[in-house]
Structures are given as structure tokens and as C-alpha cells.
């Protein structure tokens, strides 16, 4: 099963793809779609959509795992990230790819075994699970790879069946 993980954003959209067979992972690719800070926001959304679409078309995932948004402070940032997340989900849905969402707590629990794990612990475990020499960079890409691994762990369970976006 080829899974594409996405860490949504409008400045940096991290992506990471894994192939999961049996209980084995193979890292396919990771990276980031980026936009420029001074650019018109609508153009940034278009670049996010186009960049994610290109990644999806190249990797051809069977499912997409994306972080569920949770913001407690800056509402403007939350709305902008939500819009970028929306165009990302749209790119997947238009291609018939099912989309699954996970909270940061679920990702940490799945990767480290502890829902309140530190970000560094998650990144180290991604490196270990995938037998990598170093942690994927940028951090957004490492987060996206963690989302893909999380989905692989959850996809066959009842949990995975309950979190698919309708």
C-alpha cells in the first residue's frame, strides 16, 4: 500500500510517501512544496494545489494521510492553514484518493507509543522505523512521513475506518 502523508501549510507543505507491505516500510520519497512569504495569498494556494497535485500524480498513492488541524492561538494563521489544507484535500479527492486525518496525539501514539511524546522523539522513531541514516528534512517532511507511517499502523484497524474524511 502506497501512502502519502501531508503536513499541511501555506508556506511549507511537507510530504512523505511510504510503501507498506506486511509489516515492512519502504520510504519512497519526501520533501516540501513551498511558497514565498510576500506572494499574494491566492497565488500561494494555487502553488500549494499545483505542487501537491504534481506529487500525487508522480507518486500515485493509494491513500493520503493528513494532519487534523488544531489551533489554540493565532486564528488568522489557522484560517490560512485550513484553506491550504482544503486545496490539498481537493487535489487528492479529484484523483479518487481516499483521505484520512490524524491528530498529532494519534501520530505520536502510533509512532512512539506515547501520545505526549516530544517532536524529537517522533523524528528519531521515523528514522529508526525506516532504517534511515538521518531524519528527513525539513521538519515538515519528517512530520508528513510520520503521518504516512501512522496511517499504515491504523489503516487495518477500526480506528482507521472511523477517521476517513467523508
N, C-alpha and C. Protein backbone atom coordinates (compact mmCIF):
# COMPACT_ATOMS: atom_id res chain seq x y z
N UNK A 1 0.86 -1.16 0.00
CA UNK A 1 0.00 0.00 0.00
C UNK A 1 0.91 1.24 0.00
N UNK A 2 0.73 2.10 -0.96
CA UNK A 2 1.48 3.35 -1.03
C UNK A 2 0.66 4.44 -0.35
N UNK A 3 1.27 5.06 0.66
CA UNK A 3 0.60 6.07 1.47
C UNK A 3 1.38 7.37 1.35
N UNK A 4 0.66 8.45 1.08
CA UNK A 4 1.25 9.78 1.05
C UNK A 4 0.80 10.52 2.30
N UNK A 5 1.76 10.94 3.11
CA UNK A 5 1.47 11.76 4.28
C UNK A 5 1.67 13.22 3.93
N UNK A 6 0.80 14.07 4.46
CA UNK A 6 0.88 15.51 4.21
C UNK A 6 0.81 16.26 5.53
N UNK A 7 1.80 17.14 5.75
CA UNK A 7 1.76 18.08 6.86
C UNK A 7 1.33 19.41 6.25
N UNK A 8 0.07 19.81 6.43
CA UNK A 8 -0.46 20.97 5.70
C UNK A 8 0.12 22.31 6.15
N UNK A 9 0.12 23.24 5.23
CA UNK A 9 0.57 24.59 5.49
C UNK A 9 0.43 25.41 4.22
N UNK A 10 0.75 26.69 4.30
CA UNK A 10 0.72 27.50 3.08
C UNK A 10 2.11 28.04 2.75
N UNK A 11 3.03 28.05 3.69
CA UNK A 11 4.41 28.41 3.41
C UNK A 11 5.20 27.16 3.06
N UNK A 12 5.00 26.11 3.86
CA UNK A 12 5.66 24.82 3.63
C UNK A 12 4.63 23.71 3.81
N UNK A 13 4.47 22.89 2.79
CA UNK A 13 3.63 21.70 2.85
C UNK A 13 4.59 20.52 2.81
N UNK A 14 4.73 19.84 3.93
CA UNK A 14 5.60 18.67 3.96
C UNK A 14 4.88 17.49 3.36
N UNK A 15 5.64 16.64 2.64
CA UNK A 15 5.06 15.41 2.13
C UNK A 15 6.05 14.28 2.33
N UNK A 16 5.51 13.09 2.49
CA UNK A 16 6.34 11.90 2.63
C UNK A 16 5.53 10.69 2.21
N UNK A 17 6.14 9.86 1.38
CA UNK A 17 5.43 8.68 0.87
C UNK A 17 6.17 7.41 1.28
N UNK A 18 5.40 6.44 1.74
CA UNK A 18 5.95 5.14 2.09
C UNK A 18 5.15 4.05 1.40
N UNK A 19 5.83 2.95 1.15
CA UNK A 19 5.18 1.74 0.66
C UNK A 19 5.17 0.78 1.84
N UNK A 20 4.00 0.31 2.23
CA UNK A 20 3.84 -0.55 3.39
C UNK A 20 3.31 -1.90 2.94
N UNK A 21 4.12 -2.92 3.13
CA UNK A 21 3.73 -4.29 2.77
C UNK A 21 3.99 -5.19 3.96
N UNK A 22 2.96 -5.92 4.38
CA UNK A 22 3.09 -6.76 5.56
C UNK A 22 3.33 -5.86 6.76
N UNK A 23 4.49 -5.96 7.33
CA UNK A 23 4.84 -5.07 8.43
C UNK A 23 6.12 -4.30 8.10
N UNK A 24 6.42 -4.19 6.81
CA UNK A 24 7.65 -3.54 6.37
C UNK A 24 7.37 -2.23 5.64
N UNK A 25 8.22 -1.27 5.93
CA UNK A 25 8.12 0.04 5.31
C UNK A 25 9.26 0.25 4.33
N UNK A 26 8.95 0.90 3.23
CA UNK A 26 9.97 1.36 2.29
C UNK A 26 9.67 2.83 2.00
N UNK A 27 10.64 3.69 2.30
CA UNK A 27 10.47 5.11 2.03
C UNK A 27 10.57 5.34 0.52
N UNK A 28 9.56 5.97 -0.05
CA UNK A 28 9.56 6.26 -1.48
C UNK A 28 10.18 7.62 -1.75
N UNK A 29 9.67 8.63 -1.06
CA UNK A 29 10.12 10.00 -1.31
C UNK A 29 9.60 10.91 -0.21
N UNK A 30 10.33 11.99 0.04
CA UNK A 30 9.85 13.03 0.94
C UNK A 30 10.37 14.37 0.46
N UNK A 31 9.71 15.43 0.93
CA UNK A 31 10.13 16.78 0.54
C UNK A 31 9.10 17.79 0.98
N UNK A 32 9.11 18.93 0.29
CA UNK A 32 8.18 20.01 0.66
C UNK A 32 7.80 20.82 -0.56
N UNK A 33 6.57 21.26 -0.56
CA UNK A 33 6.07 22.25 -1.52
C UNK A 33 6.13 23.57 -0.77
N UNK A 34 6.78 24.57 -1.35
CA UNK A 34 6.95 25.85 -0.65
C UNK A 34 6.39 27.02 -1.46
N UNK A 35 6.03 28.06 -0.73
CA UNK A 35 5.59 29.31 -1.36
C UNK A 35 6.35 30.46 -0.70
N UNK A 36 6.38 31.58 -1.39
CA UNK A 36 7.11 32.76 -0.91
C UNK A 36 6.23 33.63 -0.01
N UNK A 37 6.82 34.16 1.05
CA UNK A 37 6.10 34.95 2.04
C UNK A 37 5.42 36.19 1.46
N UNK A 38 6.05 36.91 0.55
CA UNK A 38 5.48 38.15 0.05
C UNK A 38 4.47 37.97 -1.07
N UNK A 39 4.24 36.76 -1.46
CA UNK A 39 3.37 36.46 -2.58
C UNK A 39 1.88 36.60 -2.19
N UNK A 40 1.05 36.97 -3.15
CA UNK A 40 -0.39 37.04 -2.97
C UNK A 40 -0.90 35.69 -2.44
N UNK A 41 -1.78 35.74 -1.41
CA UNK A 41 -2.21 34.51 -0.76
C UNK A 41 -2.92 33.55 -1.72
N UNK A 42 -3.75 34.09 -2.60
CA UNK A 42 -4.45 33.22 -3.55
C UNK A 42 -3.45 32.49 -4.46
N UNK A 43 -2.38 33.18 -4.85
CA UNK A 43 -1.33 32.54 -5.66
C UNK A 43 -0.61 31.47 -4.86
N UNK A 44 -0.45 31.71 -3.57
CA UNK A 44 0.19 30.70 -2.72
C UNK A 44 -0.69 29.45 -2.66
N UNK A 45 -2.00 29.65 -2.54
CA UNK A 45 -2.91 28.49 -2.52
C UNK A 45 -2.82 27.72 -3.83
N UNK A 46 -2.75 28.44 -4.95
CA UNK A 46 -2.62 27.78 -6.26
C UNK A 46 -1.32 26.98 -6.33
N UNK A 47 -0.23 27.55 -5.82
CA UNK A 47 1.06 26.84 -5.82
C UNK A 47 0.99 25.59 -4.94
N UNK A 48 0.31 25.69 -3.81
CA UNK A 48 0.14 24.52 -2.95
C UNK A 48 -0.64 23.45 -3.70
N UNK A 49 -1.77 23.84 -4.29
CA UNK A 49 -2.59 22.88 -5.04
C UNK A 49 -1.79 22.25 -6.18
N UNK A 50 -1.13 23.08 -6.98
CA UNK A 50 -0.36 22.56 -8.12
C UNK A 50 0.79 21.66 -7.65
N UNK A 51 1.48 22.08 -6.59
CA UNK A 51 2.60 21.29 -6.09
C UNK A 51 2.16 19.95 -5.53
N UNK A 52 1.10 19.95 -4.74
CA UNK A 52 0.58 18.70 -4.18
C UNK A 52 0.03 17.82 -5.30
N UNK A 53 -0.64 18.42 -6.27
CA UNK A 53 -1.16 17.64 -7.41
C UNK A 53 -0.02 16.94 -8.14
N UNK A 54 1.08 17.66 -8.35
CA UNK A 54 2.24 17.08 -9.05
C UNK A 54 2.82 15.92 -8.25
N UNK A 55 2.91 16.07 -6.93
CA UNK A 55 3.42 15.00 -6.07
C UNK A 55 2.50 13.78 -6.15
N UNK A 56 1.20 14.01 -6.06
CA UNK A 56 0.23 12.91 -6.13
C UNK A 56 0.33 12.20 -7.48
N UNK A 57 0.39 12.97 -8.56
CA UNK A 57 0.46 12.36 -9.89
C UNK A 57 1.75 11.56 -10.09
N UNK A 58 2.84 11.99 -9.47
CA UNK A 58 4.12 11.30 -9.60
C UNK A 58 4.16 10.02 -8.75
N UNK A 59 3.68 10.12 -7.51
CA UNK A 59 3.79 9.01 -6.56
C UNK A 59 2.65 8.01 -6.70
N UNK A 60 1.49 8.47 -7.10
CA UNK A 60 0.29 7.64 -7.26
C UNK A 60 -0.06 6.85 -5.99
N UNK A 61 -0.31 7.58 -4.90
CA UNK A 61 -0.63 6.90 -3.63
C UNK A 61 -2.01 6.25 -3.67
N UNK A 62 -2.17 5.25 -2.82
CA UNK A 62 -3.47 4.59 -2.67
C UNK A 62 -4.31 5.28 -1.60
N UNK A 63 -3.65 6.03 -0.72
CA UNK A 63 -4.36 6.81 0.30
C UNK A 63 -3.50 7.99 0.72
N UNK A 64 -4.16 8.98 1.29
CA UNK A 64 -3.48 10.18 1.76
C UNK A 64 -3.82 10.38 3.22
N UNK A 65 -2.78 10.55 4.04
CA UNK A 65 -2.97 10.83 5.47
C UNK A 65 -2.56 12.27 5.71
N UNK A 66 -3.43 13.02 6.37
CA UNK A 66 -3.17 14.44 6.60
C UNK A 66 -3.44 14.79 8.06
N UNK A 67 -2.70 15.77 8.55
CA UNK A 67 -2.87 16.16 9.94
C UNK A 67 -4.18 16.91 10.13
N UNK A 68 -4.89 16.53 11.16
CA UNK A 68 -6.10 17.25 11.55
C UNK A 68 -5.66 18.54 12.24
N UNK A 69 -6.25 19.65 11.84
CA UNK A 69 -5.82 20.94 12.37
C UNK A 69 -6.30 21.15 13.79
N UNK A 70 -5.42 21.73 14.57
CA UNK A 70 -5.73 22.08 15.95
C UNK A 70 -4.95 23.34 16.29
N UNK A 71 -5.65 24.44 16.49
CA UNK A 71 -5.01 25.71 16.80
C UNK A 71 -5.62 26.29 18.06
N UNK A 72 -4.75 26.82 18.90
CA UNK A 72 -5.25 27.45 20.12
C UNK A 72 -4.95 28.94 20.16
N UNK A 73 -4.06 29.42 19.27
CA UNK A 73 -3.65 30.82 19.37
C UNK A 73 -4.09 31.63 18.16
N UNK A 74 -3.27 31.76 17.18
CA UNK A 74 -3.47 32.69 16.06
C UNK A 74 -4.56 32.21 15.10
N UNK A 75 -5.74 32.85 15.16
CA UNK A 75 -6.85 32.43 14.33
C UNK A 75 -6.64 32.74 12.86
N UNK A 76 -5.93 33.83 12.52
CA UNK A 76 -5.66 34.14 11.11
C UNK A 76 -4.81 33.03 10.50
N UNK A 77 -3.78 32.61 11.21
CA UNK A 77 -2.94 31.52 10.73
C UNK A 77 -3.77 30.25 10.57
N UNK A 78 -4.64 29.98 11.53
CA UNK A 78 -5.48 28.78 11.48
C UNK A 78 -6.35 28.78 10.23
N UNK A 79 -6.94 29.92 9.92
CA UNK A 79 -7.80 30.01 8.74
C UNK A 79 -6.99 29.83 7.46
N UNK A 80 -5.82 30.44 7.40
CA UNK A 80 -4.97 30.31 6.21
C UNK A 80 -4.48 28.88 6.02
N UNK A 81 -4.06 28.24 7.10
CA UNK A 81 -3.62 26.84 7.02
C UNK A 81 -4.80 25.95 6.62
N UNK A 82 -5.97 26.24 7.16
CA UNK A 82 -7.16 25.46 6.80
C UNK A 82 -7.47 25.58 5.31
N UNK A 83 -7.30 26.76 4.75
CA UNK A 83 -7.52 26.92 3.30
C UNK A 83 -6.50 26.11 2.51
N UNK A 84 -5.25 26.14 2.92
CA UNK A 84 -4.21 25.36 2.24
C UNK A 84 -4.49 23.86 2.38
N UNK A 85 -4.95 23.47 3.56
CA UNK A 85 -5.31 22.06 3.77
C UNK A 85 -6.46 21.68 2.85
N UNK A 86 -7.40 22.60 2.67
CA UNK A 86 -8.54 22.34 1.78
C UNK A 86 -8.12 22.09 0.34
N UNK A 87 -7.20 22.89 -0.18
CA UNK A 87 -6.78 22.67 -1.58
C UNK A 87 -5.97 21.38 -1.69
N UNK A 88 -5.29 20.99 -0.62
CA UNK A 88 -4.56 19.73 -0.61
C UNK A 88 -5.53 18.55 -0.66
N UNK A 89 -6.55 18.60 0.18
CA UNK A 89 -7.57 17.54 0.18
C UNK A 89 -8.28 17.50 -1.17
N UNK A 90 -8.57 18.66 -1.74
CA UNK A 90 -9.22 18.71 -3.05
C UNK A 90 -8.38 18.00 -4.11
N UNK A 91 -7.07 18.23 -4.11
CA UNK A 91 -6.18 17.58 -5.08
C UNK A 91 -6.29 16.07 -4.98
N UNK A 92 -6.37 15.54 -3.77
CA UNK A 92 -6.49 14.09 -3.59
C UNK A 92 -7.87 13.59 -4.01
N UNK A 93 -8.91 14.26 -3.56
CA UNK A 93 -10.28 13.82 -3.85
C UNK A 93 -10.56 13.84 -5.36
N UNK A 94 -10.05 14.85 -6.05
CA UNK A 94 -10.25 14.91 -7.51
C UNK A 94 -9.62 13.72 -8.21
N UNK A 95 -8.63 13.11 -7.59
CA UNK A 95 -7.94 11.97 -8.19
C UNK A 95 -8.45 10.64 -7.63
N UNK A 96 -9.52 10.70 -6.84
CA UNK A 96 -10.12 9.48 -6.31
C UNK A 96 -9.33 8.83 -5.19
N UNK A 97 -8.48 9.59 -4.52
CA UNK A 97 -7.65 9.04 -3.45
C UNK A 97 -8.35 9.29 -2.11
N UNK A 98 -8.58 8.23 -1.34
CA UNK A 98 -9.21 8.44 -0.03
C UNK A 98 -8.29 9.20 0.91
N UNK A 99 -8.89 10.08 1.71
CA UNK A 99 -8.15 10.94 2.62
C UNK A 99 -8.51 10.57 4.06
N UNK A 100 -7.48 10.42 4.90
CA UNK A 100 -7.65 10.07 6.30
C UNK A 100 -6.96 11.14 7.14
N UNK A 101 -7.56 11.50 8.26
CA UNK A 101 -6.96 12.55 9.09
C UNK A 101 -6.61 12.00 10.47
N UNK A 102 -5.51 12.53 11.00
CA UNK A 102 -4.99 12.10 12.30
C UNK A 102 -4.58 13.33 13.11
N UNK A 103 -4.84 13.26 14.39
CA UNK A 103 -4.40 14.33 15.28
C UNK A 103 -2.91 14.11 15.62
N UNK A 104 -2.23 15.17 16.05
CA UNK A 104 -0.84 14.98 16.49
C UNK A 104 -0.72 13.92 17.59
N UNK A 105 -1.69 13.86 18.49
CA UNK A 105 -1.67 12.86 19.56
C UNK A 105 -1.71 11.44 18.98
N UNK A 106 -2.56 11.21 17.97
CA UNK A 106 -2.65 9.90 17.34
C UNK A 106 -1.34 9.52 16.65
N UNK A 107 -0.71 10.50 16.00
CA UNK A 107 0.56 10.24 15.32
C UNK A 107 1.62 9.86 16.34
N UNK A 108 1.73 10.62 17.41
CA UNK A 108 2.72 10.34 18.45
C UNK A 108 2.49 8.97 19.06
N UNK A 109 1.25 8.65 19.35
CA UNK A 109 0.90 7.35 19.92
C UNK A 109 1.30 6.22 18.98
N UNK A 110 1.02 6.40 17.71
CA UNK A 110 1.32 5.38 16.71
C UNK A 110 2.82 5.18 16.49
N UNK A 111 3.56 6.27 16.47
CA UNK A 111 4.99 6.21 16.15
C UNK A 111 5.84 5.86 17.37
N UNK A 112 5.57 6.54 18.49
CA UNK A 112 6.41 6.41 19.68
C UNK A 112 5.78 5.49 20.73
N UNK A 113 4.45 5.39 20.70
CA UNK A 113 3.77 4.60 21.72
C UNK A 113 3.32 5.43 22.90
N UNK A 114 3.50 6.76 22.78
CA UNK A 114 3.15 7.67 23.86
C UNK A 114 2.61 8.95 23.23
N UNK A 115 1.35 9.28 23.51
CA UNK A 115 0.68 10.40 22.88
C UNK A 115 1.22 11.78 23.21
N UNK A 116 2.03 11.87 24.28
CA UNK A 116 2.60 13.16 24.65
C UNK A 116 4.11 13.20 24.38
N UNK A 117 4.56 12.36 23.46
CA UNK A 117 5.97 12.32 23.10
C UNK A 117 6.41 13.67 22.53
N UNK A 118 7.70 13.95 22.67
CA UNK A 118 8.28 15.17 22.11
C UNK A 118 8.48 14.99 20.60
N UNK A 119 8.46 16.11 19.90
CA UNK A 119 8.63 16.09 18.44
C UNK A 119 9.93 15.36 18.06
N UNK A 120 10.99 15.60 18.79
CA UNK A 120 12.29 14.97 18.50
C UNK A 120 12.21 13.44 18.62
N UNK A 121 11.44 12.95 19.59
CA UNK A 121 11.26 11.50 19.75
C UNK A 121 10.56 10.91 18.54
N UNK A 122 9.55 11.61 18.03
CA UNK A 122 8.83 11.14 16.84
C UNK A 122 9.79 11.08 15.65
N UNK A 123 10.57 12.13 15.46
CA UNK A 123 11.50 12.17 14.34
C UNK A 123 12.55 11.05 14.43
N UNK A 124 13.05 10.80 15.62
CA UNK A 124 14.03 9.72 15.81
C UNK A 124 13.41 8.36 15.49
N UNK A 125 12.16 8.16 15.90
CA UNK A 125 11.49 6.89 15.62
C UNK A 125 11.20 6.72 14.13
N UNK A 126 10.88 7.80 13.43
CA UNK A 126 10.71 7.74 11.97
C UNK A 126 12.01 7.23 11.36
N UNK A 127 13.11 7.77 11.80
CA UNK A 127 14.43 7.35 11.30
C UNK A 127 14.65 5.86 11.56
N UNK A 128 14.33 5.40 12.76
CA UNK A 128 14.52 4.00 13.14
C UNK A 128 13.60 3.08 12.35
N UNK A 129 12.32 3.42 12.28
CA UNK A 129 11.33 2.58 11.58
C UNK A 129 11.70 2.39 10.12
N UNK A 130 12.21 3.46 9.50
CA UNK A 130 12.54 3.40 8.07
C UNK A 130 14.00 3.05 7.79
N UNK A 131 14.78 2.79 8.86
CA UNK A 131 16.20 2.42 8.72
C UNK A 131 16.97 3.49 7.94
N UNK A 132 16.77 4.74 8.32
CA UNK A 132 17.43 5.86 7.65
C UNK A 132 18.70 6.26 8.41
N UNK A 133 19.63 6.85 7.71
CA UNK A 133 20.84 7.35 8.34
C UNK A 133 20.59 8.67 9.07
N UNK A 134 19.65 9.45 8.54
CA UNK A 134 19.34 10.73 9.17
C UNK A 134 17.84 11.00 9.08
N UNK A 135 17.40 11.94 9.90
CA UNK A 135 15.99 12.33 9.94
C UNK A 135 15.66 13.11 8.68
N UNK A 136 14.51 12.83 8.04
CA UNK A 136 14.11 13.62 6.86
C UNK A 136 14.01 15.10 7.19
N UNK A 137 14.41 15.94 6.27
CA UNK A 137 14.34 17.38 6.41
C UNK A 137 13.61 17.96 5.23
N UNK A 138 12.88 19.05 5.33
CA UNK A 138 12.67 19.82 6.55
C UNK A 138 11.78 19.07 7.54
N UNK A 139 11.62 19.65 8.73
CA UNK A 139 10.79 19.04 9.76
C UNK A 139 9.39 18.71 9.25
N UNK A 140 8.86 19.55 8.37
CA UNK A 140 7.51 19.33 7.83
C UNK A 140 7.47 18.01 7.05
N UNK A 141 8.55 17.68 6.36
CA UNK A 141 8.62 16.42 5.62
C UNK A 141 8.68 15.24 6.59
N UNK A 142 9.45 15.38 7.67
CA UNK A 142 9.51 14.32 8.68
C UNK A 142 8.13 14.10 9.31
N UNK A 143 7.42 15.19 9.57
CA UNK A 143 6.06 15.08 10.12
C UNK A 143 5.14 14.36 9.13
N UNK A 144 5.30 14.66 7.85
CA UNK A 144 4.47 14.02 6.83
C UNK A 144 4.76 12.52 6.73
N UNK A 145 6.03 12.15 6.82
CA UNK A 145 6.40 10.73 6.81
C UNK A 145 5.79 10.04 8.03
N UNK A 146 5.82 10.71 9.18
CA UNK A 146 5.21 10.15 10.39
C UNK A 146 3.71 9.93 10.20
N UNK A 147 3.05 10.85 9.52
CA UNK A 147 1.62 10.68 9.23
C UNK A 147 1.38 9.45 8.35
N UNK A 148 2.23 9.24 7.36
CA UNK A 148 2.09 8.07 6.48
C UNK A 148 2.28 6.78 7.28
N UNK A 149 3.28 6.76 8.15
CA UNK A 149 3.52 5.57 8.99
C UNK A 149 2.33 5.35 9.92
N UNK A 150 1.83 6.41 10.51
CA UNK A 150 0.66 6.33 11.39
C UNK A 150 -0.52 5.70 10.65
N UNK A 151 -0.75 6.15 9.43
CA UNK A 151 -1.87 5.59 8.67
C UNK A 151 -1.66 4.11 8.40
N UNK A 152 -0.44 3.72 8.09
CA UNK A 152 -0.16 2.30 7.85
C UNK A 152 -0.48 1.48 9.09
N UNK A 153 -0.14 2.00 10.26
CA UNK A 153 -0.42 1.29 11.51
C UNK A 153 -1.92 1.23 11.81
N UNK A 154 -2.66 2.25 11.40
CA UNK A 154 -4.08 2.36 11.74
C UNK A 154 -5.02 1.86 10.65
N UNK A 155 -4.57 1.75 9.42
CA UNK A 155 -5.46 1.51 8.28
C UNK A 155 -6.29 0.25 8.41
N UNK A 156 -5.73 -0.82 8.95
CA UNK A 156 -6.47 -2.07 9.05
C UNK A 156 -7.33 -2.17 10.29
N UNK A 157 -7.19 -1.21 11.19
CA UNK A 157 -7.94 -1.28 12.44
C UNK A 157 -9.28 -0.55 12.32
N UNK A 158 -10.11 -0.73 13.31
CA UNK A 158 -11.37 0.01 13.35
C UNK A 158 -11.10 1.50 13.45
N UNK A 159 -10.01 1.89 14.11
CA UNK A 159 -9.65 3.30 14.21
C UNK A 159 -9.50 3.90 12.83
N UNK A 160 -8.77 3.22 11.96
CA UNK A 160 -8.56 3.72 10.61
C UNK A 160 -9.85 3.85 9.83
N UNK A 161 -10.77 2.96 10.05
CA UNK A 161 -12.05 3.02 9.33
C UNK A 161 -12.93 4.17 9.81
N UNK A 162 -12.70 4.65 11.03
CA UNK A 162 -13.52 5.71 11.60
C UNK A 162 -13.00 7.11 11.33
N UNK A 163 -11.82 7.25 10.75
CA UNK A 163 -11.26 8.58 10.60
C UNK A 163 -11.18 9.05 9.17
N UNK A 164 -11.72 8.29 8.25
CA UNK A 164 -11.72 8.71 6.86
C UNK A 164 -12.62 9.93 6.71
N UNK A 165 -12.14 10.91 5.94
CA UNK A 165 -12.97 12.09 5.68
C UNK A 165 -14.14 11.68 4.79
N UNK A 166 -15.28 12.18 5.09
CA UNK A 166 -16.47 11.84 4.31
C UNK A 166 -16.51 12.64 3.03
